mmCIF file of all heavy atoms, coordinates in Angstrom:
data_MODEL
# 
_entry.id   MODEL 
# 
loop_
_atom_site.group_PDB 
_atom_site.id 
_atom_site.type_symbol 
_atom_site.label_atom_id 
_atom_site.label_alt_id 
_atom_site.label_comp_id 
_atom_site.label_asym_id 
_atom_site.label_entity_id 
_atom_site.label_seq_id 
_atom_site.pdbx_PDB_ins_code 
_atom_site.Cartn_x 
_atom_site.Cartn_y 
_atom_site.Cartn_z 
_atom_site.occupancy 
_atom_site.B_iso_or_equiv 
_atom_site.pdbx_formal_charge 
_atom_site.auth_seq_id 
_atom_site.auth_comp_id 
_atom_site.auth_asym_id 
_atom_site.auth_atom_id 
_atom_site.pdbx_PDB_model_num 
ATOM 1   N N   . ASP A 1 1  ? 0.767  -1.240 -0.019 1.00 0.00 ? 1  ASP A N   1 
ATOM 2   C CA  . ASP A 1 1  ? -0.019 -0.013 0.011  1.00 0.00 ? 1  ASP A CA  1 
ATOM 3   C C   . ASP A 1 1  ? 0.828  1.271  -0.039 1.00 0.00 ? 1  ASP A C   1 
ATOM 4   O O   . ASP A 1 1  ? 1.304  1.729  1.027  1.00 0.00 ? 1  ASP A O   1 
ATOM 5   C CB  . ASP A 1 1  ? -0.958 -0.008 1.156  1.00 0.00 ? 1  ASP A CB  1 
ATOM 6   C CG  . ASP A 1 1  ? -1.782 1.165  1.163  1.00 0.00 ? 1  ASP A CG  1 
ATOM 7   O OD1 . ASP A 1 1  ? -1.875 1.984  0.284  1.00 0.00 ? 1  ASP A OD1 1 
ATOM 8   O OD2 . ASP A 1 1  ? -2.580 1.367  2.256  1.00 0.00 ? 1  ASP A OD2 1 
ATOM 9   N N   . ALA A 1 2  ? 1.200  1.737  -1.200 1.00 0.00 ? 2  ALA A N   1 
ATOM 10  C CA  . ALA A 1 2  ? 2.060  2.925  -1.294 1.00 0.00 ? 2  ALA A CA  1 
ATOM 11  C C   . ALA A 1 2  ? 1.517  4.140  -0.695 1.00 0.00 ? 2  ALA A C   1 
ATOM 12  O O   . ALA A 1 2  ? 2.228  5.132  -0.496 1.00 0.00 ? 2  ALA A O   1 
ATOM 13  C CB  . ALA A 1 2  ? 2.391  3.183  -2.767 1.00 0.00 ? 2  ALA A CB  1 
ATOM 14  N N   . TYR A 1 3  ? 0.172  4.140  -0.391 1.00 0.00 ? 3  TYR A N   1 
ATOM 15  C CA  . TYR A 1 3  ? -0.478 5.406  -0.037 1.00 0.00 ? 3  TYR A CA  1 
ATOM 16  C C   . TYR A 1 3  ? -0.637 5.399  1.598  1.00 0.00 ? 3  TYR A C   1 
ATOM 17  O O   . TYR A 1 3  ? -1.098 6.363  2.092  1.00 0.00 ? 3  TYR A O   1 
ATOM 18  C CB  . TYR A 1 3  ? -1.887 5.453  -0.594 1.00 0.00 ? 3  TYR A CB  1 
ATOM 19  C CG  . TYR A 1 3  ? -1.811 5.823  -2.015 1.00 0.00 ? 3  TYR A CG  1 
ATOM 20  C CD1 . TYR A 1 3  ? -1.592 4.744  -2.951 1.00 0.00 ? 3  TYR A CD1 1 
ATOM 21  C CD2 . TYR A 1 3  ? -1.825 7.120  -2.474 1.00 0.00 ? 3  TYR A CD2 1 
ATOM 22  C CE1 . TYR A 1 3  ? -1.588 5.104  -4.368 1.00 0.00 ? 3  TYR A CE1 1 
ATOM 23  C CE2 . TYR A 1 3  ? -1.825 7.508  -3.831 1.00 0.00 ? 3  TYR A CE2 1 
ATOM 24  C CZ  . TYR A 1 3  ? -1.695 6.497  -4.763 1.00 0.00 ? 3  TYR A CZ  1 
ATOM 25  O OH  . TYR A 1 3  ? -1.619 6.760  -6.152 1.00 0.00 ? 3  TYR A OH  1 
ATOM 26  N N   . ALA A 1 4  ? -0.198 4.324  2.243  1.00 0.00 ? 4  ALA A N   1 
ATOM 27  C CA  . ALA A 1 4  ? -0.167 4.316  3.732  1.00 0.00 ? 4  ALA A CA  1 
ATOM 28  C C   . ALA A 1 4  ? 0.896  5.313  4.208  1.00 0.00 ? 4  ALA A C   1 
ATOM 29  O O   . ALA A 1 4  ? 2.002  5.228  3.799  1.00 0.00 ? 4  ALA A O   1 
ATOM 30  C CB  . ALA A 1 4  ? 0.117  2.934  4.137  1.00 0.00 ? 4  ALA A CB  1 
ATOM 31  N N   . GLN A 1 5  ? 0.519  6.237  5.035  1.00 0.00 ? 5  GLN A N   1 
ATOM 32  C CA  . GLN A 1 5  ? 1.375  7.335  5.411  1.00 0.00 ? 5  GLN A CA  1 
ATOM 33  C C   . GLN A 1 5  ? 1.651  7.350  6.924  1.00 0.00 ? 5  GLN A C   1 
ATOM 34  O O   . GLN A 1 5  ? 2.696  7.925  7.248  1.00 0.00 ? 5  GLN A O   1 
ATOM 35  C CB  . GLN A 1 5  ? 0.661  8.762  5.110  1.00 0.00 ? 5  GLN A CB  1 
ATOM 36  C CG  . GLN A 1 5  ? 0.294  8.875  3.709  1.00 0.00 ? 5  GLN A CG  1 
ATOM 37  C CD  . GLN A 1 5  ? -0.526 10.198 3.452  1.00 0.00 ? 5  GLN A CD  1 
ATOM 38  O OE1 . GLN A 1 5  ? -0.225 11.192 4.104  1.00 0.00 ? 5  GLN A OE1 1 
ATOM 39  N NE2 . GLN A 1 5  ? -1.543 10.089 2.712  1.00 0.00 ? 5  GLN A NE2 1 
ATOM 40  N N   . ARG A 1 6  ? 0.745  6.765  7.810  1.00 0.00 ? 6  ARG A N   1 
ATOM 41  C CA  . ARG A 1 6  ? 0.940  7.029  9.227  1.00 0.00 ? 6  ARG A CA  1 
ATOM 42  C C   . ARG A 1 6  ? 0.304  5.716  9.890  1.00 0.00 ? 6  ARG A C   1 
ATOM 43  O O   . ARG A 1 6  ? -0.791 5.423  9.685  1.00 0.00 ? 6  ARG A O   1 
ATOM 44  C CB  . ARG A 1 6  ? 0.238  8.258  9.667  1.00 0.00 ? 6  ARG A CB  1 
ATOM 45  C CG  . ARG A 1 6  ? 0.319  8.647  11.106 1.00 0.00 ? 6  ARG A CG  1 
ATOM 46  C CD  . ARG A 1 6  ? -0.411 9.888  11.347 1.00 0.00 ? 6  ARG A CD  1 
ATOM 47  N NE  . ARG A 1 6  ? -0.565 10.100 12.818 1.00 0.00 ? 6  ARG A NE  1 
ATOM 48  C CZ  . ARG A 1 6  ? 0.344  11.170 13.392 1.00 0.00 ? 6  ARG A CZ  1 
ATOM 49  N NH1 . ARG A 1 6  ? 1.169  11.726 12.638 1.00 0.00 ? 6  ARG A NH1 1 
ATOM 50  N NH2 . ARG A 1 6  ? 0.246  11.385 14.669 1.00 0.00 ? 6  ARG A NH2 1 
ATOM 51  N N   . ILE A 1 7  ? 1.129  5.080  10.677 1.00 0.00 ? 7  ILE A N   1 
ATOM 52  C CA  . ILE A 1 7  ? 0.611  3.916  11.390 1.00 0.00 ? 7  ILE A CA  1 
ATOM 53  C C   . ILE A 1 7  ? 1.232  3.867  12.858 1.00 0.00 ? 7  ILE A C   1 
ATOM 54  O O   . ILE A 1 7  ? 2.235  4.507  13.094 1.00 0.00 ? 7  ILE A O   1 
ATOM 55  C CB  . ILE A 1 7  ? 0.923  2.600  10.702 1.00 0.00 ? 7  ILE A CB  1 
ATOM 56  C CG1 . ILE A 1 7  ? 2.440  2.423  10.577 1.00 0.00 ? 7  ILE A CG1 1 
ATOM 57  C CG2 . ILE A 1 7  ? 0.261  2.473  9.405  1.00 0.00 ? 7  ILE A CG2 1 
ATOM 58  C CD1 . ILE A 1 7  ? 2.858  1.003  10.206 1.00 0.00 ? 7  ILE A CD1 1 
ATOM 59  N N   . ASP A 1 8  ? 0.586  3.121  13.730 1.00 0.00 ? 8  ASP A N   1 
ATOM 60  C CA  . ASP A 1 8  ? 1.163  2.882  15.044 1.00 0.00 ? 8  ASP A CA  1 
ATOM 61  C C   . ASP A 1 8  ? 1.982  1.563  14.857 1.00 0.00 ? 8  ASP A C   1 
ATOM 62  O O   . ASP A 1 8  ? 1.669  0.652  14.126 1.00 0.00 ? 8  ASP A O   1 
ATOM 63  C CB  . ASP A 1 8  ? 0.082  2.584  16.020 1.00 0.00 ? 8  ASP A CB  1 
ATOM 64  C CG  . ASP A 1 8  ? -0.720 3.953  16.273 1.00 0.00 ? 8  ASP A CG  1 
ATOM 65  O OD1 . ASP A 1 8  ? -0.155 5.029  16.101 1.00 0.00 ? 8  ASP A OD1 1 
ATOM 66  O OD2 . ASP A 1 8  ? -1.907 3.846  16.666 1.00 0.00 ? 8  ASP A OD2 1 
ATOM 67  N N   . ALA A 1 9  ? 3.021  1.591  15.748 1.00 0.00 ? 9  ALA A N   1 
ATOM 68  C CA  . ALA A 1 9  ? 3.998  0.323  15.625 1.00 0.00 ? 9  ALA A CA  1 
ATOM 69  C C   . ALA A 1 9  ? 4.593  0.173  16.999 1.00 0.00 ? 9  ALA A C   1 
ATOM 70  O O   . ALA A 1 9  ? 4.429  1.000  17.893 1.00 0.00 ? 9  ALA A O   1 
ATOM 71  C CB  . ALA A 1 9  ? 4.990  0.520  14.575 1.00 0.00 ? 9  ALA A CB  1 
ATOM 72  N N   . ARG A 1 10 ? 5.336  -0.933 17.100 1.00 0.00 ? 10 ARG A N   1 
ATOM 73  C CA  . ARG A 1 10 ? 6.024  -1.263 18.364 1.00 0.00 ? 10 ARG A CA  1 
ATOM 74  C C   . ARG A 1 10 ? 7.510  -1.429 18.082 1.00 0.00 ? 10 ARG A C   1 
ATOM 75  O O   . ARG A 1 10 ? 7.869  -2.029 17.141 1.00 0.00 ? 10 ARG A O   1 
ATOM 76  C CB  . ARG A 1 10 ? 5.429  -2.532 19.071 1.00 0.00 ? 10 ARG A CB  1 
ATOM 77  C CG  . ARG A 1 10 ? 6.096  -2.879 20.414 1.00 0.00 ? 10 ARG A CG  1 
ATOM 78  C CD  . ARG A 1 10 ? 5.372  -4.051 21.024 1.00 0.00 ? 10 ARG A CD  1 
ATOM 79  N NE  . ARG A 1 10 ? 5.403  -5.207 20.092 1.00 0.00 ? 10 ARG A NE  1 
ATOM 80  C CZ  . ARG A 1 10 ? 6.359  -6.121 20.043 1.00 0.00 ? 10 ARG A CZ  1 
ATOM 81  N NH1 . ARG A 1 10 ? 7.410  -5.978 20.796 1.00 0.00 ? 10 ARG A NH1 1 
ATOM 82  N NH2 . ARG A 1 10 ? 6.239  -7.079 19.158 1.00 0.00 ? 10 ARG A NH2 1 
ATOM 83  N N   . VAL A 1 11 ? 8.318  -0.813 18.928 1.00 0.00 ? 11 VAL A N   1 
ATOM 84  C CA  . VAL A 1 11 ? 9.799  -0.977 18.859 1.00 0.00 ? 11 VAL A CA  1 
ATOM 85  C C   . VAL A 1 11 ? 10.166 -2.393 19.211 1.00 0.00 ? 11 VAL A C   1 
ATOM 86  O O   . VAL A 1 11 ? 9.909  -2.862 20.268 1.00 0.00 ? 11 VAL A O   1 
ATOM 87  C CB  . VAL A 1 11 ? 10.538 0.090  19.636 1.00 0.00 ? 11 VAL A CB  1 
ATOM 88  C CG1 . VAL A 1 11 ? 12.054 -0.096 19.528 1.00 0.00 ? 11 VAL A CG1 1 
ATOM 89  C CG2 . VAL A 1 11 ? 10.185 1.437  19.204 1.00 0.00 ? 11 VAL A CG2 1 
ATOM 90  N N   . VAL A 1 12 ? 10.882 -3.113 18.306 1.00 0.00 ? 12 VAL A N   1 
ATOM 91  C CA  . VAL A 1 12 ? 11.320 -4.505 18.601 1.00 0.00 ? 12 VAL A CA  1 
ATOM 92  C C   . VAL A 1 12 ? 12.796 -4.646 18.769 1.00 0.00 ? 12 VAL A C   1 
ATOM 93  O O   . VAL A 1 12 ? 13.303 -5.561 19.425 1.00 0.00 ? 12 VAL A O   1 
ATOM 94  C CB  . VAL A 1 12 ? 10.890 -5.450 17.481 1.00 0.00 ? 12 VAL A CB  1 
ATOM 95  C CG1 . VAL A 1 12 ? 9.304  -5.567 17.394 1.00 0.00 ? 12 VAL A CG1 1 
ATOM 96  C CG2 . VAL A 1 12 ? 11.386 -5.155 16.118 1.00 0.00 ? 12 VAL A CG2 1 
ATOM 97  N N   . ALA A 1 13 ? 13.620 -3.605 18.322 1.00 0.00 ? 13 ALA A N   1 
ATOM 98  C CA  . ALA A 1 13 ? 15.080 -3.689 18.431 1.00 0.00 ? 13 ALA A CA  1 
ATOM 99  C C   . ALA A 1 13 ? 15.617 -2.295 18.344 1.00 0.00 ? 13 ALA A C   1 
ATOM 100 O O   . ALA A 1 13 ? 15.059 -1.546 17.447 1.00 0.00 ? 13 ALA A O   1 
ATOM 101 C CB  . ALA A 1 13 ? 15.692 -4.722 17.487 1.00 0.00 ? 13 ALA A CB  1 
ATOM 102 N N   . THR A 1 14 ? 16.743 -2.066 18.844 1.00 0.00 ? 14 THR A N   1 
ATOM 103 C CA  . THR A 1 14 ? 17.570 -0.862 18.588 1.00 0.00 ? 14 THR A CA  1 
ATOM 104 C C   . THR A 1 14 ? 18.946 -1.257 18.535 1.00 0.00 ? 14 THR A C   1 
ATOM 105 O O   . THR A 1 14 ? 19.411 -2.201 19.215 1.00 0.00 ? 14 THR A O   1 
ATOM 106 C CB  . THR A 1 14 ? 17.390 0.203  19.570 1.00 0.00 ? 14 THR A CB  1 
ATOM 107 O OG1 . THR A 1 14 ? 17.713 -0.291 20.939 1.00 0.00 ? 14 THR A OG1 1 
ATOM 108 C CG2 . THR A 1 14 ? 15.857 0.807  19.750 1.00 0.00 ? 14 THR A CG2 1 
ATOM 109 N N   . GLU A 1 15 ? 19.730 -0.541 17.707 1.00 0.00 ? 15 GLU A N   1 
ATOM 110 C CA  . GLU A 1 15 ? 21.225 -0.680 17.631 1.00 0.00 ? 15 GLU A CA  1 
ATOM 111 C C   . GLU A 1 15 ? 21.883 0.515  17.144 1.00 0.00 ? 15 GLU A C   1 
ATOM 112 O O   . GLU A 1 15 ? 21.211 1.606  17.223 1.00 0.00 ? 15 GLU A O   1 
ATOM 113 C CB  . GLU A 1 15 ? 21.497 -1.952 16.727 1.00 0.00 ? 15 GLU A CB  1 
ATOM 114 C CG  . GLU A 1 15 ? 20.805 -1.847 15.400 1.00 0.00 ? 15 GLU A CG  1 
ATOM 115 C CD  . GLU A 1 15 ? 20.892 -3.122 14.532 1.00 0.00 ? 15 GLU A CD  1 
ATOM 116 O OE1 . GLU A 1 15 ? 21.964 -3.281 13.905 1.00 0.00 ? 15 GLU A OE1 1 
ATOM 117 O OE2 . GLU A 1 15 ? 19.971 -3.903 14.642 1.00 0.00 ? 15 GLU A OE2 1 
ATOM 118 N N   . ARG A 1 16 ? 23.102 0.470  16.752 1.00 0.00 ? 16 ARG A N   1 
ATOM 119 C CA  . ARG A 1 16 ? 23.776 1.695  16.307 1.00 0.00 ? 16 ARG A CA  1 
ATOM 120 C C   . ARG A 1 16 ? 24.446 1.349  14.926 1.00 0.00 ? 16 ARG A C   1 
ATOM 121 O O   . ARG A 1 16 ? 24.890 0.230  14.595 1.00 0.00 ? 16 ARG A O   1 
ATOM 122 C CB  . ARG A 1 16 ? 25.005 1.993  17.258 1.00 0.00 ? 16 ARG A CB  1 
ATOM 123 C CG  . ARG A 1 16 ? 24.619 2.432  18.525 1.00 0.00 ? 16 ARG A CG  1 
ATOM 124 C CD  . ARG A 1 16 ? 24.247 3.976  18.604 1.00 0.00 ? 16 ARG A CD  1 
ATOM 125 N NE  . ARG A 1 16 ? 23.730 4.343  19.820 1.00 0.00 ? 16 ARG A NE  1 
ATOM 126 C CZ  . ARG A 1 16 ? 23.405 5.602  20.166 1.00 0.00 ? 16 ARG A CZ  1 
ATOM 127 N NH1 . ARG A 1 16 ? 23.528 6.520  19.238 1.00 0.00 ? 16 ARG A NH1 1 
ATOM 128 N NH2 . ARG A 1 16 ? 22.878 5.964  21.292 1.00 0.00 ? 16 ARG A NH2 1 
ATOM 129 N N   . SER A 1 17 ? 24.439 2.398  14.049 1.00 0.00 ? 17 SER A N   1 
ATOM 130 C CA  . SER A 1 17 ? 25.015 2.266  12.726 1.00 0.00 ? 17 SER A CA  1 
ATOM 131 C C   . SER A 1 17 ? 26.569 2.462  12.862 1.00 0.00 ? 17 SER A C   1 
ATOM 132 O O   . SER A 1 17 ? 27.042 2.673  14.002 1.00 0.00 ? 17 SER A O   1 
ATOM 133 C CB  . SER A 1 17 ? 24.528 3.409  11.911 1.00 0.00 ? 17 SER A CB  1 
ATOM 134 O OG  . SER A 1 17 ? 25.075 4.666  12.329 1.00 0.00 ? 17 SER A OG  1 
ATOM 135 N N   . GLU A 1 18 ? 27.298 2.253  11.862 1.00 0.00 ? 18 GLU A N   1 
ATOM 136 C CA  . GLU A 1 18 ? 28.676 2.308  11.837 1.00 0.00 ? 18 GLU A CA  1 
ATOM 137 C C   . GLU A 1 18 ? 29.088 3.676  12.227 1.00 0.00 ? 18 GLU A C   1 
ATOM 138 O O   . GLU A 1 18 ? 30.249 3.923  12.775 1.00 0.00 ? 18 GLU A O   1 
ATOM 139 C CB  . GLU A 1 18 ? 29.297 1.894  10.542 1.00 0.00 ? 18 GLU A CB  1 
ATOM 140 C CG  . GLU A 1 18 ? 29.161 0.376  10.194 1.00 0.00 ? 18 GLU A CG  1 
ATOM 141 C CD  . GLU A 1 18 ? 29.791 -0.102 8.866  1.00 0.00 ? 18 GLU A CD  1 
ATOM 142 O OE1 . GLU A 1 18 ? 30.331 0.899  8.212  1.00 0.00 ? 18 GLU A OE1 1 
ATOM 143 O OE2 . GLU A 1 18 ? 29.845 -1.182 8.659  1.00 0.00 ? 18 GLU A OE2 1 
ATOM 144 N N   . SER A 1 19 ? 28.347 4.686  11.873 1.00 0.00 ? 19 SER A N   1 
ATOM 145 C CA  . SER A 1 19 ? 28.669 6.126  12.138 1.00 0.00 ? 19 SER A CA  1 
ATOM 146 C C   . SER A 1 19 ? 28.191 6.511  13.562 1.00 0.00 ? 19 SER A C   1 
ATOM 147 O O   . SER A 1 19 ? 28.370 7.630  13.954 1.00 0.00 ? 19 SER A O   1 
ATOM 148 C CB  . SER A 1 19 ? 28.024 7.025  11.130 1.00 0.00 ? 19 SER A CB  1 
ATOM 149 O OG  . SER A 1 19 ? 26.580 6.856  11.073 1.00 0.00 ? 19 SER A OG  1 
ATOM 150 N N   . GLY A 1 20 ? 27.532 5.505  14.222 1.00 0.00 ? 20 GLY A N   1 
ATOM 151 C CA  . GLY A 1 20 ? 27.132 5.740  15.608 1.00 0.00 ? 20 GLY A CA  1 
ATOM 152 C C   . GLY A 1 20 ? 25.654 6.288  15.704 1.00 0.00 ? 20 GLY A C   1 
ATOM 153 O O   . GLY A 1 20 ? 25.224 6.548  16.822 1.00 0.00 ? 20 GLY A O   1 
ATOM 154 N N   . ASN A 1 21 ? 24.947 6.432  14.667 1.00 0.00 ? 21 ASN A N   1 
ATOM 155 C CA  . ASN A 1 21 ? 23.553 6.958  14.756 1.00 0.00 ? 21 ASN A CA  1 
ATOM 156 C C   . ASN A 1 21 ? 22.656 5.780  15.180 1.00 0.00 ? 21 ASN A C   1 
ATOM 157 O O   . ASN A 1 21 ? 22.905 4.623  14.879 1.00 0.00 ? 21 ASN A O   1 
ATOM 158 C CB  . ASN A 1 21 ? 23.110 7.435  13.411 1.00 0.00 ? 21 ASN A CB  1 
ATOM 159 C CG  . ASN A 1 21 ? 23.719 8.743  12.983 1.00 0.00 ? 21 ASN A CG  1 
ATOM 160 O OD1 . ASN A 1 21 ? 24.062 9.485  13.874 1.00 0.00 ? 21 ASN A OD1 1 
ATOM 161 N ND2 . ASN A 1 21 ? 23.971 8.907  11.707 1.00 0.00 ? 21 ASN A ND2 1 
ATOM 162 N N   . PRO A 1 22 ? 21.509 6.062  15.961 1.00 0.00 ? 22 PRO A N   1 
ATOM 163 C CA  . PRO A 1 22 ? 20.695 5.042  16.418 1.00 0.00 ? 22 PRO A CA  1 
ATOM 164 C C   . PRO A 1 22 ? 19.890 4.456  15.219 1.00 0.00 ? 22 PRO A C   1 
ATOM 165 O O   . PRO A 1 22 ? 19.446 5.111  14.338 1.00 0.00 ? 22 PRO A O   1 
ATOM 166 C CB  . PRO A 1 22 ? 19.676 5.788  17.364 1.00 0.00 ? 22 PRO A CB  1 
ATOM 167 C CG  . PRO A 1 22 ? 20.375 7.034  17.747 1.00 0.00 ? 22 PRO A CG  1 
ATOM 168 C CD  . PRO A 1 22 ? 21.232 7.409  16.496 1.00 0.00 ? 22 PRO A CD  1 
ATOM 169 N N   . LEU A 1 23 ? 19.727 3.073  15.343 1.00 0.00 ? 23 LEU A N   1 
ATOM 170 C CA  . LEU A 1 23 ? 18.874 2.401  14.312 1.00 0.00 ? 23 LEU A CA  1 
ATOM 171 C C   . LEU A 1 23 ? 17.731 1.801  15.115 1.00 0.00 ? 23 LEU A C   1 
ATOM 172 O O   . LEU A 1 23 ? 17.872 1.249  16.195 1.00 0.00 ? 23 LEU A O   1 
ATOM 173 C CB  . LEU A 1 23 ? 19.662 1.295  13.640 1.00 0.00 ? 23 LEU A CB  1 
ATOM 174 C CG  . LEU A 1 23 ? 20.916 1.750  13.005 1.00 0.00 ? 23 LEU A CG  1 
ATOM 175 C CD1 . LEU A 1 23 ? 21.791 0.532  12.351 1.00 0.00 ? 23 LEU A CD1 1 
ATOM 176 C CD2 . LEU A 1 23 ? 20.604 2.670  11.768 1.00 0.00 ? 23 LEU A CD2 1 
ATOM 177 N N   . VAL A 1 24 ? 16.509 1.815  14.525 1.00 0.00 ? 24 VAL A N   1 
ATOM 178 C CA  . VAL A 1 24 ? 15.289 1.312  15.067 1.00 0.00 ? 24 VAL A CA  1 
ATOM 179 C C   . VAL A 1 24 ? 14.643 0.374  14.216 1.00 0.00 ? 24 VAL A C   1 
ATOM 180 O O   . VAL A 1 24 ? 14.414 0.682  12.971 1.00 0.00 ? 24 VAL A O   1 
ATOM 181 C CB  . VAL A 1 24 ? 14.295 2.503  15.471 1.00 0.00 ? 24 VAL A CB  1 
ATOM 182 C CG1 . VAL A 1 24 ? 13.123 1.962  16.112 1.00 0.00 ? 24 VAL A CG1 1 
ATOM 183 C CG2 . VAL A 1 24 ? 15.020 3.527  16.449 1.00 0.00 ? 24 VAL A CG2 1 
ATOM 184 N N   . VAL A 1 25 ? 14.283 -0.836 14.766 1.00 0.00 ? 25 VAL A N   1 
ATOM 185 C CA  . VAL A 1 25 ? 13.421 -1.780 14.008 1.00 0.00 ? 25 VAL A CA  1 
ATOM 186 C C   . VAL A 1 25 ? 12.126 -1.924 14.613 1.00 0.00 ? 25 VAL A C   1 
ATOM 187 O O   . VAL A 1 25 ? 11.963 -1.979 15.902 1.00 0.00 ? 25 VAL A O   1 
ATOM 188 C CB  . VAL A 1 25 ? 14.113 -3.143 14.107 1.00 0.00 ? 25 VAL A CB  1 
ATOM 189 C CG1 . VAL A 1 25 ? 13.329 -4.178 13.284 1.00 0.00 ? 25 VAL A CG1 1 
ATOM 190 C CG2 . VAL A 1 25 ? 15.538 -3.136 13.538 1.00 0.00 ? 25 VAL A CG2 1 
ATOM 191 N N   . LEU A 1 26 ? 11.064 -1.890 13.838 1.00 0.00 ? 26 LEU A N   1 
ATOM 192 C CA  . LEU A 1 26 ? 9.777  -1.866 14.247 1.00 0.00 ? 26 LEU A CA  1 
ATOM 193 C C   . LEU A 1 26 ? 8.932  -3.041 13.794 1.00 0.00 ? 26 LEU A C   1 
ATOM 194 O O   . LEU A 1 26 ? 9.335  -3.778 12.837 1.00 0.00 ? 26 LEU A O   1 
ATOM 195 C CB  . LEU A 1 26 ? 8.922  -0.631 13.748 1.00 0.00 ? 26 LEU A CB  1 
ATOM 196 C CG  . LEU A 1 26 ? 9.644  0.769  13.996 1.00 0.00 ? 26 LEU A CG  1 
ATOM 197 C CD1 . LEU A 1 26 ? 9.089  1.893  13.104 1.00 0.00 ? 26 LEU A CD1 1 
ATOM 198 C CD2 . LEU A 1 26 ? 9.459  1.146  15.469 1.00 0.00 ? 26 LEU A CD2 1 
ATOM 199 N N   . ASP A 1 27 ? 7.840  -3.371 14.520 1.00 0.00 ? 27 ASP A N   1 
ATOM 200 C CA  . ASP A 1 27 ? 7.042  -4.558 14.095 1.00 0.00 ? 27 ASP A CA  1 
ATOM 201 C C   . ASP A 1 27 ? 6.230  -4.309 12.810 1.00 0.00 ? 27 ASP A C   1 
ATOM 202 O O   . ASP A 1 27 ? 5.836  -5.290 12.252 1.00 0.00 ? 27 ASP A O   1 
ATOM 203 C CB  . ASP A 1 27 ? 6.135  -5.077 15.271 1.00 0.00 ? 27 ASP A CB  1 
ATOM 204 C CG  . ASP A 1 27 ? 5.085  -4.109 15.582 1.00 0.00 ? 27 ASP A CG  1 
ATOM 205 O OD1 . ASP A 1 27 ? 5.106  -2.930 15.235 1.00 0.00 ? 27 ASP A OD1 1 
ATOM 206 O OD2 . ASP A 1 27 ? 3.983  -4.538 16.130 1.00 0.00 ? 27 ASP A OD2 1 
ATOM 207 N N   . ARG A 1 28 ? 6.104  -3.017 12.405 1.00 0.00 ? 28 ARG A N   1 
ATOM 208 C CA  . ARG A 1 28 ? 5.453  -2.743 11.201 1.00 0.00 ? 28 ARG A CA  1 
ATOM 209 C C   . ARG A 1 28 ? 5.808  -1.289 10.836 1.00 0.00 ? 28 ARG A C   1 
ATOM 210 O O   . ARG A 1 28 ? 6.181  -0.461 11.715 1.00 0.00 ? 28 ARG A O   1 
ATOM 211 C CB  . ARG A 1 28 ? 3.876  -2.867 11.246 1.00 0.00 ? 28 ARG A CB  1 
ATOM 212 C CG  . ARG A 1 28 ? 3.236  -1.947 12.324 1.00 0.00 ? 28 ARG A CG  1 
ATOM 213 C CD  . ARG A 1 28 ? 1.901  -2.428 12.720 1.00 0.00 ? 28 ARG A CD  1 
ATOM 214 N NE  . ARG A 1 28 ? 0.932  -2.647 11.596 1.00 0.00 ? 28 ARG A NE  1 
ATOM 215 C CZ  . ARG A 1 28 ? -0.076 -1.786 11.394 1.00 0.00 ? 28 ARG A CZ  1 
ATOM 216 N NH1 . ARG A 1 28 ? -0.229 -0.751 12.216 1.00 0.00 ? 28 ARG A NH1 1 
ATOM 217 N NH2 . ARG A 1 28 ? -0.883 -1.974 10.389 1.00 0.00 ? 28 ARG A NH2 1 
# 
């Protein structure tokens, strides 16, 4: 659905990129 713009989600994981920026994985 290319027109989906805004949804609720849950954070399932966080880590760091090689440059040190936060990375966030969501369940959707």
